[in-house]
Amino acid sequence: MPDPSPGPAFTMGGVSHPLTRQAVEAAAAGLLPAHSARGLDYVWYALVGRELHYVVALAAAAAGQPLPDRPSRYVKDARLALKALGYPVVCWADSVLLDKGHPSHTG
């Protein structure tokens, strides 16, 4: 039986929303899986079951909140909360990033 106790919090609009694995899995069941990169707001994904979901959309839905107008403001908080719950979190990288690396990592 899943642990229903509150886990890490996803903060949106100044309000902290505790997340649970049960809430995340229910949210994932109601969302369409990620299908393509749609800009920087949508390059971070969490793997729930066999599907990838955009981290902000997933965390917001698990918190019972709508997708915010500016999802990029919440990516870090969403990915860290989902990672803390044990979900694999991955980032999409284009060929330039793969070939040359991230500027802050390569000098």
PDB file of N, CA and C in Angstrom:
ATOM      1  N   MET A   1       0.850  -1.183   0.000  1.00  0.00           N
ATOM      2  CA  MET A   1       0.000   0.000   0.000  1.00  0.00           C
ATOM      3  C   MET A   1       0.892   1.241   0.000  1.00  0.00           C
ATOM      4  N   PRO A   2       0.619   2.217  -0.894  1.00  0.00           N
ATOM      5  CA  PRO A   2       1.446   3.417  -0.955  1.00  0.00           C
ATOM      6  C   PRO A   2       1.358   4.230   0.327  1.00  0.00           C
ATOM      7  N   ASP A   3       2.459   4.887   0.636  1.00  0.00           N
ATOM      8  CA  ASP A   3       2.518   5.752   1.815  1.00  0.00           C
ATOM      9  C   ASP A   3       1.803   7.062   1.506  1.00  0.00           C
ATOM     10  N   PRO A   4       0.673   7.373   2.161  1.00  0.00           N
ATOM     11  CA  PRO A   4      -0.082   8.593   1.861  1.00  0.00           C
ATOM     12  C   PRO A   4       0.451   9.835   2.582  1.00  0.00           C
ATOM     13  N   SER A   5       1.497   9.684   3.408  1.00  0.00           N
ATOM     14  CA  SER A   5       1.986  10.833   4.157  1.00  0.00           C
ATOM     15  C   SER A   5       2.598  11.856   3.209  1.00  0.00           C
ATOM     16  N   PRO A   6       2.461  13.147   3.546  1.00  0.00           N
ATOM     17  CA  PRO A   6       3.005  14.185   2.674  1.00  0.00           C
ATOM     18  C   PRO A   6       4.508  14.028   2.511  1.00  0.00           C
ATOM     19  N   GLY A   7       4.946  14.252   1.314  1.00  0.00           N
ATOM     20  CA  GLY A   7       6.366  14.194   1.008  1.00  0.00           C
ATOM     21  C   GLY A   7       6.895  15.597   0.792  1.00  0.00           C
ATOM     22  N   PRO A   8       7.815  15.737  -0.136  1.00  0.00           N
ATOM     23  CA  PRO A   8       8.376  17.050  -0.421  1.00  0.00           C
ATOM     24  C   PRO A   8       7.292  17.975  -0.952  1.00  0.00           C
ATOM     25  N   ALA A   9       7.528  19.254  -0.792  1.00  0.00           N
ATOM     26  CA  ALA A   9       6.535  20.240  -1.218  1.00  0.00           C
ATOM     27  C   ALA A   9       6.908  20.840  -2.566  1.00  0.00           C
ATOM     28  N   PHE A  10       5.898  21.140  -3.342  1.00  0.00           N
ATOM     29  CA  PHE A  10       6.020  21.883  -4.596  1.00  0.00           C
ATOM     30  C   PHE A  10       5.420  23.256  -4.316  1.00  0.00           C
ATOM     31  N   THR A  11       6.233  24.289  -4.391  1.00  0.00           N
ATOM     32  CA  THR A  11       5.771  25.644  -4.083  1.00  0.00           C
ATOM     33  C   THR A  11       5.420  26.360  -5.373  1.00  0.00           C
ATOM     34  N   MET A  12       4.194  26.859  -5.419  1.00  0.00           N
ATOM     35  CA  MET A  12       3.709  27.560  -6.599  1.00  0.00           C
ATOM     36  C   MET A  12       2.901  28.759  -6.137  1.00  0.00           C
ATOM     37  N   GLY A  13       3.225  29.908  -6.671  1.00  0.00           N
ATOM     38  CA  GLY A  13       2.505  31.112  -6.296  1.00  0.00           C
ATOM     39  C   GLY A  13       2.645  31.454  -4.827  1.00  0.00           C
ATOM     40  N   GLY A  14       3.776  31.083  -4.227  1.00  0.00           N
ATOM     41  CA  GLY A  14       4.013  31.370  -2.819  1.00  0.00           C
ATOM     42  C   GLY A  14       3.333  30.421  -1.853  1.00  0.00           C
ATOM     43  N   VAL A  15       2.644  29.402  -2.390  1.00  0.00           N
ATOM     44  CA  VAL A  15       1.946  28.435  -1.544  1.00  0.00           C
ATOM     45  C   VAL A  15       2.625  27.078  -1.686  1.00  0.00           C
ATOM     46  N   SER A  16       2.919  26.460  -0.553  1.00  0.00           N
ATOM     47  CA  SER A  16       3.575  25.165  -0.539  1.00  0.00           C
ATOM     48  C   SER A  16       2.525  24.056  -0.607  1.00  0.00           C
ATOM     49  N   HIS A  17       2.720  23.135  -1.548  1.00  0.00           N
ATOM     50  CA  HIS A  17       1.795  22.011  -1.735  1.00  0.00           C
ATOM     51  C   HIS A  17       2.553  20.708  -1.515  1.00  0.00           C
ATOM     52  N   PRO A  18       2.348  20.021  -0.390  1.00  0.00           N
ATOM     53  CA  PRO A  18       3.017  18.729  -0.189  1.00  0.00           C
ATOM     54  C   PRO A  18       2.559  17.719  -1.240  1.00  0.00           C
ATOM     55  N   LEU A  19       3.511  16.958  -1.770  1.00  0.00           N
ATOM     56  CA  LEU A  19       3.195  15.947  -2.774  1.00  0.00           C
ATOM     57  C   LEU A  19       3.387  14.553  -2.183  1.00  0.00           C
ATOM     58  N   THR A  20       2.613  13.608  -2.679  1.00  0.00           N
ATOM     59  CA  THR A  20       2.779  12.201  -2.330  1.00  0.00           C
ATOM     60  C   THR A  20       2.902  11.409  -3.627  1.00  0.00           C
ATOM     61  N   ARG A  21       3.472  10.212  -3.522  1.00  0.00           N
ATOM     62  CA  ARG A  21       3.562   9.358  -4.715  1.00  0.00           C
ATOM     63  C   ARG A  21       2.157   9.032  -5.233  1.00  0.00           C
ATOM     64  N   GLN A  22       1.232   8.824  -4.326  1.00  0.00           N
ATOM     65  CA  GLN A  22      -0.138   8.516  -4.724  1.00  0.00           C
ATOM     66  C   GLN A  22      -0.738   9.658  -5.547  1.00  0.00           C
ATOM     67  N   ALA A  23      -0.529  10.897  -5.128  1.00  0.00           N
ATOM     68  CA  ALA A  23      -1.052  12.053  -5.863  1.00  0.00           C
ATOM     69  C   ALA A  23      -0.360  12.197  -7.212  1.00  0.00           C
ATOM     70  N   VAL A  24       0.949  11.933  -7.256  1.00  0.00           N
ATOM     71  CA  VAL A  24       1.688  12.039  -8.520  1.00  0.00           C
ATOM     72  C   VAL A  24       1.202  10.984  -9.506  1.00  0.00           C
ATOM     73  N   GLU A  25       1.017   9.763  -9.030  1.00  0.00           N
ATOM     74  CA  GLU A  25       0.563   8.701  -9.928  1.00  0.00           C
ATOM     75  C   GLU A  25      -0.855   8.946 -10.430  1.00  0.00           C
ATOM     76  N   ALA A  26      -1.712   9.482  -9.570  1.00  0.00           N
ATOM     77  CA  ALA A  26      -3.072   9.830 -10.003  1.00  0.00           C
ATOM     78  C   ALA A  26      -3.025  10.962 -11.023  1.00  0.00           C
ATOM     79  N   ALA A  27      -2.163  11.948 -10.799  1.00  0.00           N
ATOM     80  CA  ALA A  27      -2.035  13.060 -11.738  1.00  0.00           C
ATOM     81  C   ALA A  27      -1.518  12.564 -13.086  1.00  0.00           C
ATOM     82  N   ALA A  28      -0.518  11.682 -13.065  1.00  0.00           N
ATOM     83  CA  ALA A  28       0.042  11.151 -14.309  1.00  0.00           C
ATOM     84  C   ALA A  28      -1.011  10.398 -15.113  1.00  0.00           C
ATOM     85  N   ALA A  29      -1.896   9.698 -14.427  1.00  0.00           N
ATOM     86  CA  ALA A  29      -2.945   8.945 -15.117  1.00  0.00           C
ATOM     87  C   ALA A  29      -3.913   9.863 -15.851  1.00  0.00           C
ATOM     88  N   GLY A  30      -4.027  11.115 -15.394  1.00  0.00           N
ATOM     89  CA  GLY A  30      -4.941  12.062 -16.024  1.00  0.00           C
ATOM     90  C   GLY A  30      -4.291  13.004 -17.018  1.00  0.00           C
ATOM     91  N   LEU A  31      -2.970  12.895 -17.197  1.00  0.00           N
ATOM     92  CA  LEU A  31      -2.254  13.773 -18.123  1.00  0.00           C
ATOM     93  C   LEU A  31      -1.819  13.003 -19.366  1.00  0.00           C
ATOM     94  N   LEU A  32      -1.715  13.699 -20.469  1.00  0.00           N
ATOM     95  CA  LEU A  32      -1.118  13.099 -21.652  1.00  0.00           C
ATOM     96  C   LEU A  32       0.388  13.032 -21.430  1.00  0.00           C
ATOM     97  N   PRO A  33       1.022  11.947 -21.824  1.00  0.00           N
ATOM     98  CA  PRO A  33       2.473  11.883 -21.681  1.00  0.00           C
ATOM     99  C   PRO A  33       3.155  12.914 -22.580  1.00  0.00           C
ATOM    100  N   ALA A  34       4.380  13.257 -22.246  1.00  0.00           N
ATOM    101  CA  ALA A  34       5.164  14.182 -23.063  1.00  0.00           C
ATOM    102  C   ALA A  34       5.344  13.574 -24.451  1.00  0.00           C
ATOM    103  N   HIS A  35       5.328  14.410 -25.469  1.00  0.00           N
ATOM    104  CA  HIS A  35       5.448  13.906 -26.828  1.00  0.00           C
ATOM    105  C   HIS A  35       6.516  14.632 -27.631  1.00  0.00           C
ATOM    106  N   SER A  36       6.971  15.785 -27.167  1.00  0.00           N
ATOM    107  CA  SER A  36       8.029  16.514 -27.856  1.00  0.00           C
ATOM    108  C   SER A  36       8.506  17.642 -26.961  1.00  0.00           C
ATOM    109  N   ALA A  37       9.680  18.196 -27.262  1.00  0.00           N
ATOM    110  CA  ALA A  37      10.175  19.358 -26.527  1.00  0.00           C
ATOM    111  C   ALA A  37       9.454  20.586 -27.054  1.00  0.00           C
ATOM    112  N   ARG A  38       8.888  21.371 -26.155  1.00  0.00           N
ATOM    113  CA  ARG A  38       8.113  22.547 -26.548  1.00  0.00           C
ATOM    114  C   ARG A  38       8.745  23.826 -26.007  1.00  0.00           C
ATOM    115  N   GLY A  39      10.043  23.889 -25.931  1.00  0.00           N
ATOM    116  CA  GLY A  39      10.711  25.062 -25.390  1.00  0.00           C
ATOM    117  C   GLY A  39      11.278  24.753 -24.024  1.00  0.00           C
ATOM    118  N   LEU A  40      11.954  25.715 -23.451  1.00  0.00           N
ATOM    119  CA  LEU A  40      12.660  25.484 -22.195  1.00  0.00           C
ATOM    120  C   LEU A  40      11.752  25.096 -21.042  1.00  0.00           C
ATOM    121  N   ASP A  41      10.496  25.497 -21.081  1.00  0.00           N
ATOM    122  CA  ASP A  41       9.578  25.122 -20.006  1.00  0.00           C
ATOM    123  C   ASP A  41       9.295  23.625 -19.995  1.00  0.00           C
ATOM    124  N   TYR A  42       9.565  22.983 -21.113  1.00  0.00           N
ATOM    125  CA  TYR A  42       9.168  21.581 -21.270  1.00  0.00           C
ATOM    126  C   TYR A  42      10.337  20.661 -21.597  1.00  0.00           C
ATOM    127  N   VAL A  43      11.521  20.927 -21.065  1.00  0.00           N
ATOM    128  CA  VAL A  43      12.652  20.051 -21.338  1.00  0.00           C
ATOM    129  C   VAL A  43      12.968  19.123 -20.172  1.00  0.00           C
ATOM    130  N   TRP A  44      12.307  19.296 -19.046  1.00  0.00           N
ATOM    131  CA  TRP A  44      12.501  18.417 -17.894  1.00  0.00           C
ATOM    132  C   TRP A  44      11.306  17.483 -17.767  1.00  0.00           C
ATOM    133  N   TYR A  45      11.601  16.189 -17.639  1.00  0.00           N
ATOM    134  CA  TYR A  45      10.568  15.167 -17.581  1.00  0.00           C
ATOM    135  C   TYR A  45      10.761  14.281 -16.355  1.00  0.00           C
ATOM    136  N   ALA A  46       9.669  13.723 -15.876  1.00  0.00           N
ATOM    137  CA  ALA A  46       9.716  12.697 -14.835  1.00  0.00           C
ATOM    138  C   ALA A  46       9.107  11.427 -15.414  1.00  0.00           C
ATOM    139  N   LEU A  47       9.717  10.306 -15.099  1.00  0.00           N
ATOM    140  CA  LEU A  47       9.216   9.023 -15.550  1.00  0.00           C
ATOM    141  C   LEU A  47       8.293   8.453 -14.480  1.00  0.00           C
ATOM    142  N   VAL A  48       7.026   8.292 -14.848  1.00  0.00           N
ATOM    143  CA  VAL A  48       6.024   7.702 -13.948  1.00  0.00           C
ATOM    144  C   VAL A  48       5.476   6.483 -14.674  1.00  0.00           C
ATOM    145  N   GLY A  49       5.744   5.314 -14.125  1.00  0.00           N
ATOM    146  CA  GLY A  49       5.373   4.086 -14.823  1.00  0.00           C
ATOM    147  C   GLY A  49       6.219   3.959 -16.079  1.00  0.00           C
ATOM    148  N   ARG A  50       5.566   3.928 -17.238  1.00  0.00           N
ATOM    149  CA  ARG A  50       6.281   3.831 -18.511  1.00  0.00           C
ATOM    150  C   ARG A  50       6.168   5.102 -19.328  1.00  0.00           C
ATOM    151  N   GLU A  51       5.713   6.185 -18.722  1.00  0.00           N
ATOM    152  CA  GLU A  51       5.489   7.426 -19.472  1.00  0.00           C
ATOM    153  C   GLU A  51       6.277   8.587 -18.893  1.00  0.00           C
ATOM    154  N   LEU A  52       6.743   9.444 -19.791  1.00  0.00           N
ATOM    155  CA  LEU A  52       7.390  10.689 -19.386  1.00  0.00           C
ATOM    156  C   LEU A  52       6.347  11.792 -19.317  1.00  0.00           C
ATOM    157  N   HIS A  53       6.472  12.630 -18.292  1.00  0.00           N
ATOM    158  CA  HIS A  53       5.575  13.769 -18.120  1.00  0.00           C
ATOM    159  C   HIS A  53       6.410  15.011 -17.832  1.00  0.00           C
ATOM    160  N   TYR A  54       5.931  16.149 -18.327  1.00  0.00           N
ATOM    161  CA  TYR A  54       6.599  17.410 -18.036  1.00  0.00           C
ATOM    162  C   TYR A  54       6.539  17.648 -16.530  1.00  0.00           C
ATOM    163  N   VAL A  55       7.665  17.984 -15.900  1.00  0.00           N
ATOM    164  CA  VAL A  55       7.715  18.057 -14.444  1.00  0.00           C
ATOM    165  C   VAL A  55       6.759  19.078 -13.850  1.00  0.00           C
ATOM    166  N   VAL A  56       6.638  20.251 -14.459  1.00  0.00           N
ATOM    167  CA  VAL A  56       5.767  21.277 -13.873  1.00  0.00           C
ATOM    168  C   VAL A  56       4.304  20.878 -14.011  1.00  0.00           C
ATOM    169  N   ALA A  57       3.919  20.392 -15.174  1.00  0.00           N
ATOM    170  CA  ALA A  57       2.526  19.958 -15.365  1.00  0.00           C
ATOM    171  C   ALA A  57       2.179  18.848 -14.384  1.00  0.00           C
ATOM    172  N   LEU A  58       3.105  17.913 -14.196  1.00  0.00           N
ATOM    173  CA  LEU A  58       2.872  16.784 -13.296  1.00  0.00           C
ATOM    174  C   LEU A  58       2.774  17.235 -11.844  1.00  0.00           C
ATOM    175  N   ALA A  59       3.721  18.057 -11.400  1.00  0.00           N
ATOM    176  CA  ALA A  59       3.704  18.520 -10.007  1.00  0.00           C
ATOM    177  C   ALA A  59       2.479  19.392  -9.735  1.00  0.00           C
ATOM    178  N   ALA A  60       2.142  20.263 -10.672  1.00  0.00           N
ATOM    179  CA  ALA A  60       0.962  21.118 -10.485  1.00  0.00           C
ATOM    180  C   ALA A  60      -0.304  20.273 -10.384  1.00  0.00           C
ATOM    181  N   ALA A  61      -0.450  19.306 -11.283  1.00  0.00           N
ATOM    182  CA  ALA A  61      -1.633  18.442 -11.247  1.00  0.00           C
ATOM    183  C   ALA A  61      -1.676  17.625  -9.958  1.00  0.00           C
ATOM    184  N   ALA A  62      -0.530  17.128  -9.511  1.00  0.00           N
ATOM    185  CA  ALA A  62      -0.484  16.361  -8.259  1.00  0.00           C
ATOM    186  C   ALA A  62      -0.841  17.234  -7.063  1.00  0.00           C
ATOM    187  N   ALA A  63      -0.572  18.534  -7.171  1.00  0.00           N
ATOM    188  CA  ALA A  63      -0.912  19.480  -6.097  1.00  0.00           C
ATOM    189  C   ALA A  63      -2.340  19.992  -6.227  1.00  0.00           C
ATOM    190  N   GLY A  64      -3.044  19.551  -7.273  1.00  0.00           N
ATOM    191  CA  GLY A  64      -4.426  20.004  -7.486  1.00  0.00           C
ATOM    192  C   GLY A  64      -4.504  21.418  -8.025  1.00  0.00           C
ATOM    193  N   GLN A  65      -3.439  21.843  -8.714  1.00  0.00           N
ATOM    194  CA  GLN A  65      -3.374  23.201  -9.235  1.00  0.00           C
ATOM    195  C   GLN A  65      -3.321  23.175 -10.759  1.00  0.00           C
ATOM    196  N   PRO A  66      -3.781  24.245 -11.408  1.00  0.00           N
ATOM    197  CA  PRO A  66      -3.655  24.313 -12.865  1.00  0.00           C
ATOM    198  C   PRO A  66      -2.208  24.605 -13.259  1.00  0.00           C
ATOM    199  N   LEU A  67      -1.875  24.321 -14.503  1.00  0.00           N
ATOM    200  CA  LEU A  67      -0.562  24.649 -15.019  1.00  0.00           C
ATOM    201  C   LEU A  67      -0.375  26.160 -14.945  1.00  0.00           C
ATOM    202  N   PRO A  68       0.716  26.644 -14.354  1.00  0.00           N
ATOM    203  CA  PRO A  68       0.903  28.083 -14.217  1.00  0.00           C
ATOM    204  C   PRO A  68       1.173  28.746 -15.564  1.00  0.00           C
ATOM    205  N   ASP A  69       0.932  30.050 -15.616  1.00  0.00           N
ATOM    206  CA  ASP A  69       1.151  30.811 -16.847  1.00  0.00           C
ATOM    207  C   ASP A  69       2.610  30.784 -17.286  1.00  0.00           C
ATOM    208  N   ARG A  70       3.525  30.813 -16.352  1.00  0.00           N
ATOM    209  CA  ARG A  70       4.956  30.786 -16.671  1.00  0.00           C
ATOM    210  C   ARG A  70       5.598  29.569 -16.021  1.00  0.00           C
ATOM    211  N   PRO A  71       5.458  28.400 -16.646  1.00  0.00           N
ATOM    212  CA  PRO A  71       5.952  27.173 -16.030  1.00  0.00           C
ATOM    213  C   PRO A  71       7.453  27.193 -15.747  1.00  0.00           C
ATOM    214  N   SER A  72       8.225  27.933 -16.525  1.00  0.00           N
ATOM    215  CA  SER A  72       9.678  27.918 -16.343  1.00  0.00           C
ATOM    216  C   SER A  72      10.091  28.388 -14.946  1.00  0.00           C
ATOM    217  N   ARG A  73       9.257  29.179 -14.292  1.00  0.00           N
ATOM    218  CA  ARG A  73       9.556  29.660 -12.937  1.00  0.00           C
ATOM    219  C   ARG A  73       9.521  28.537 -11.906  1.00  0.00           C
ATOM    220  N   TYR A  74       8.914  27.414 -12.258  1.00  0.00           N
ATOM    221  CA  TYR A  74       8.673  26.347 -11.291  1.00  0.00           C
ATOM    222  C   TYR A  74       9.401  25.043 -11.606  1.00  0.00           C
ATOM    223  N   VAL A  75      10.219  25.035 -12.654  1.00  0.00           N
ATOM    224  CA  VAL A  75      10.883  23.804 -13.078  1.00  0.00           C
ATOM    225  C   VAL A  75      11.775  23.239 -11.974  1.00  0.00           C
ATOM    226  N   LYS A  76      12.620  24.058 -11.387  1.00  0.00           N
ATOM    227  CA  LYS A  76      13.551  23.555 -10.377  1.00  0.00           C
ATOM    228  C   LYS A  76      12.800  22.941  -9.199  1.00  0.00           C
ATOM    229  N   ASP A  77      11.818  23.642  -8.680  1.00  0.00           N
ATOM    230  CA  ASP A  77      11.063  23.141  -7.533  1.00  0.00           C
ATOM    231  C   ASP A  77      10.337  21.840  -7.883  1.00  0.00           C
ATOM    232  N   ALA A  78       9.742  21.791  -9.086  1.00  0.00           N
ATOM    233  CA  ALA A  78       9.009  20.591  -9.504  1.00  0.00           C
ATOM    234  C   ALA A  78       9.938  19.399  -9.655  1.00  0.00           C
ATOM    235  N   ARG A  79      11.060  19.587 -10.323  1.00  0.00           N
ATOM    236  CA  ARG A  79      11.956  18.452 -10.551  1.00  0.00           C
ATOM    237  C   ARG A  79      12.581  17.948  -9.252  1.00  0.00           C
ATOM    238  N   LEU A  80      12.893  18.856  -8.341  1.00  0.00           N
ATOM    239  CA  LEU A  80      13.471  18.425  -7.062  1.00  0.00           C
ATOM    240  C   LEU A  80      12.444  17.694  -6.197  1.00  0.00           C
ATOM    241  N   ALA A  81      11.187  18.149  -6.209  1.00  0.00           N
ATOM    242  CA  ALA A  81      10.139  17.471  -5.436  1.00  0.00           C
ATOM    243  C   ALA A  81       9.877  16.077  -5.995  1.00  0.00           C
ATOM    244  N   LEU A  82       9.818  15.964  -7.320  1.00  0.00           N
ATOM    245  CA  LEU A  82       9.567  14.656  -7.925  1.00  0.00           C
ATOM    246  C   LEU A  82      10.749  13.710  -7.716  1.00  0.00           C
ATOM    247  N   LYS A  83      11.955  14.238  -7.802  1.00  0.00           N
ATOM    248  CA  LYS A  83      13.144  13.422  -7.535  1.00  0.00           C
ATOM    249  C   LYS A  83      13.138  12.927  -6.086  1.00  0.00           C
ATOM    250  N   ALA A  84      12.766  13.801  -5.159  1.00  0.00           N
ATOM    251  CA  ALA A  84      12.726  13.419  -3.738  1.00  0.00           C
ATOM    252  C   ALA A  84      11.712  12.307  -3.478  1.00  0.00           C
ATOM    253  N   LEU A  85      10.691  12.215  -4.316  1.00  0.00           N
ATOM    254  CA  LEU A  85       9.709  11.141  -4.186  1.00  0.00           C
ATOM    255  C   LEU A  85      10.181   9.848  -4.847  1.00  0.00           C
ATOM    256  N   GLY A  86      11.346   9.900  -5.491  1.00  0.00           N
ATOM    257  CA  GLY A  86      11.911   8.695  -6.087  1.00  0.00           C
ATOM    258  C   GLY A  86      11.663   8.517  -7.566  1.00  0.00           C
ATOM    259  N   TYR A  87      11.108   9.520  -8.234  1.00  0.00           N
ATOM    260  CA  TYR A  87      10.872   9.404  -9.669  1.00  0.00           C
ATOM    261  C   TYR A  87      12.134   9.780 -10.430  1.00  0.00           C
ATOM    262  N   PRO A  88      12.485   9.017 -11.463  1.00  0.00           N
ATOM    263  CA  PRO A  88      13.599   9.428 -12.309  1.00  0.00           C
ATOM    264  C   PRO A  88      13.234  10.726 -13.043  1.00  0.00           C
ATOM    265  N   VAL A  89      14.138  11.671 -13.014  1.00  0.00           N
ATOM    266  CA  VAL A  89      13.928  12.964 -13.674  1.00  0.00           C
ATOM    267  C   VAL A  89      15.022  13.120 -14.713  1.00  0.00           C
ATOM    268  N   VAL A  90      14.626  13.451 -15.931  1.00  0.00           N
ATOM    269  CA  VAL A  90      15.577  13.575 -17.035  1.00  0.00           C
ATOM    270  C   VAL A  90      15.363  14.887 -17.762  1.00  0.00           C
ATOM    271  N   CYS A  91      16.394  15.293 -18.485  1.00  0.00           N
ATOM    272  CA  CYS A  91      16.338  16.535 -19.240  1.00  0.00           C
ATOM    273  C   CYS A  91      16.634  16.248 -20.706  1.00  0.00           C
ATOM    274  N   TRP A  92      15.887  16.881 -21.590  1.00  0.00           N
ATOM    275  CA  TRP A  92      16.110  16.765 -23.017  1.00  0.00           C
ATOM    276  C   TRP A  92      17.313  17.618 -23.379  1.00  0.00           C
ATOM    277  N   ALA A  93      18.172  17.108 -24.255  1.00  0.00           N
ATOM    278  CA  ALA A  93      19.327  17.867 -24.722  1.00  0.00           C
ATOM    279  C   ALA A  93      19.387  17.798 -26.247  1.00  0.00           C
ATOM    280  N   ASP A  94      19.673  18.939 -26.870  1.00  0.00           N
ATOM    281  CA  ASP A  94      19.809  18.947 -28.324  1.00  0.00           C
ATOM    282  C   ASP A  94      21.234  18.572 -28.719  1.00  0.00           C
ATOM    283  N   SER A  95      21.493  18.470 -30.005  1.00  0.00           N
ATOM    284  CA  SER A  95      22.806  18.020 -30.474  1.00  0.00           C
ATOM    285  C   SER A  95      23.925  18.978 -30.073  1.00  0.00           C
ATOM    286  N   VAL A  96      23.659  20.270 -30.035  1.00  0.00           N
ATOM    287  CA  VAL A  96      24.683  21.236 -29.634  1.00  0.00           C
ATOM    288  C   VAL A  96      25.093  20.991 -28.187  1.00  0.00           C
ATOM    289  N   LEU A  97      24.122  20.800 -27.315  1.00  0.00           N
ATOM    290  CA  LEU A  97      24.432  20.543 -25.910  1.00  0.00           C
ATOM    291  C   LEU A  97      25.203  19.230 -25.756  1.00  0.00           C
ATOM    292  N   LEU A  98      24.807  18.213 -26.503  1.00  0.00           N
ATOM    293  CA  LEU A  98      25.505  16.933 -26.419  1.00  0.00           C
ATOM    294  C   LEU A  98      26.927  17.024 -26.974  1.00  0.00           C
ATOM    295  N   ASP A  99      27.104  17.770 -28.077  1.00  0.00           N
ATOM    296  CA  ASP A  99      28.423  17.883 -28.709  1.00  0.00           C
ATOM    297  C   ASP A  99      29.383  18.786 -27.942  1.00  0.00           C
ATOM    298  N   LYS A 100      28.879  19.912 -27.443  1.00  0.00           N
ATOM    299  CA  LYS A 100      29.750  20.915 -26.827  1.00  0.00           C
ATOM    300  C   LYS A 100      29.651  20.986 -25.309  1.00  0.00           C
ATOM    301  N   GLY A 101      28.621  20.432 -24.739  1.00  0.00           N
ATOM    302  CA  GLY A 101      28.429  20.495 -23.303  1.00  0.00           C
ATOM    303  C   GLY A 101      27.771  21.797 -22.889  1.00  0.00           C
ATOM    304  N   HIS A 102      27.401  21.877 -21.635  1.00  0.00           N
ATOM    305  CA  HIS A 102      26.767  23.080 -21.100  1.00  0.00           C
ATOM    306  C   HIS A 102      27.849  24.123 -20.832  1.00  0.00           C
ATOM    307  N   PRO A 103      27.643  25.381 -21.229  1.00  0.00           N
ATOM    308  CA  PRO A 103      28.673  26.409 -21.043  1.00  0.00           C
ATOM    309  C   PRO A 103      29.190  26.525 -19.613  1.00  0.00           C
ATOM    310  N   SER A 104      28.338  26.375 -18.634  1.00  0.00           N
ATOM    311  CA  SER A 104      28.807  26.505 -17.252  1.00  0.00           C
ATOM    312  C   SER A 104      29.588  25.285 -16.797  1.00  0.00           C
ATOM    313  N   HIS A 105      29.541  24.196 -17.563  1.00  0.00           N
ATOM    314  CA  HIS A 105      30.287  22.986 -17.197  1.00  0.00           C
ATOM    315  C   HIS A 105      31.583  22.851 -17.981  1.00  0.00           C
ATOM    316  N   THR A 106      31.696  23.587 -19.081  1.00  0.00           N
ATOM    317  CA  THR A 106      32.869  23.425 -19.951  1.00  0.00           C
ATOM    318  C   THR A 106      33.798  24.625 -19.929  1.00  0.00           C
ATOM    319  N   GLY A 107      33.458  25.657 -19.176  1.00  0.00           N
ATOM    320  CA  GLY A 107      34.318  26.837 -19.082  1.00  0.00           C
ATOM    321  C   GLY A 107      34.002  27.775 -20.145  1.00  0.00           C
TER     322      GLY A 107
END
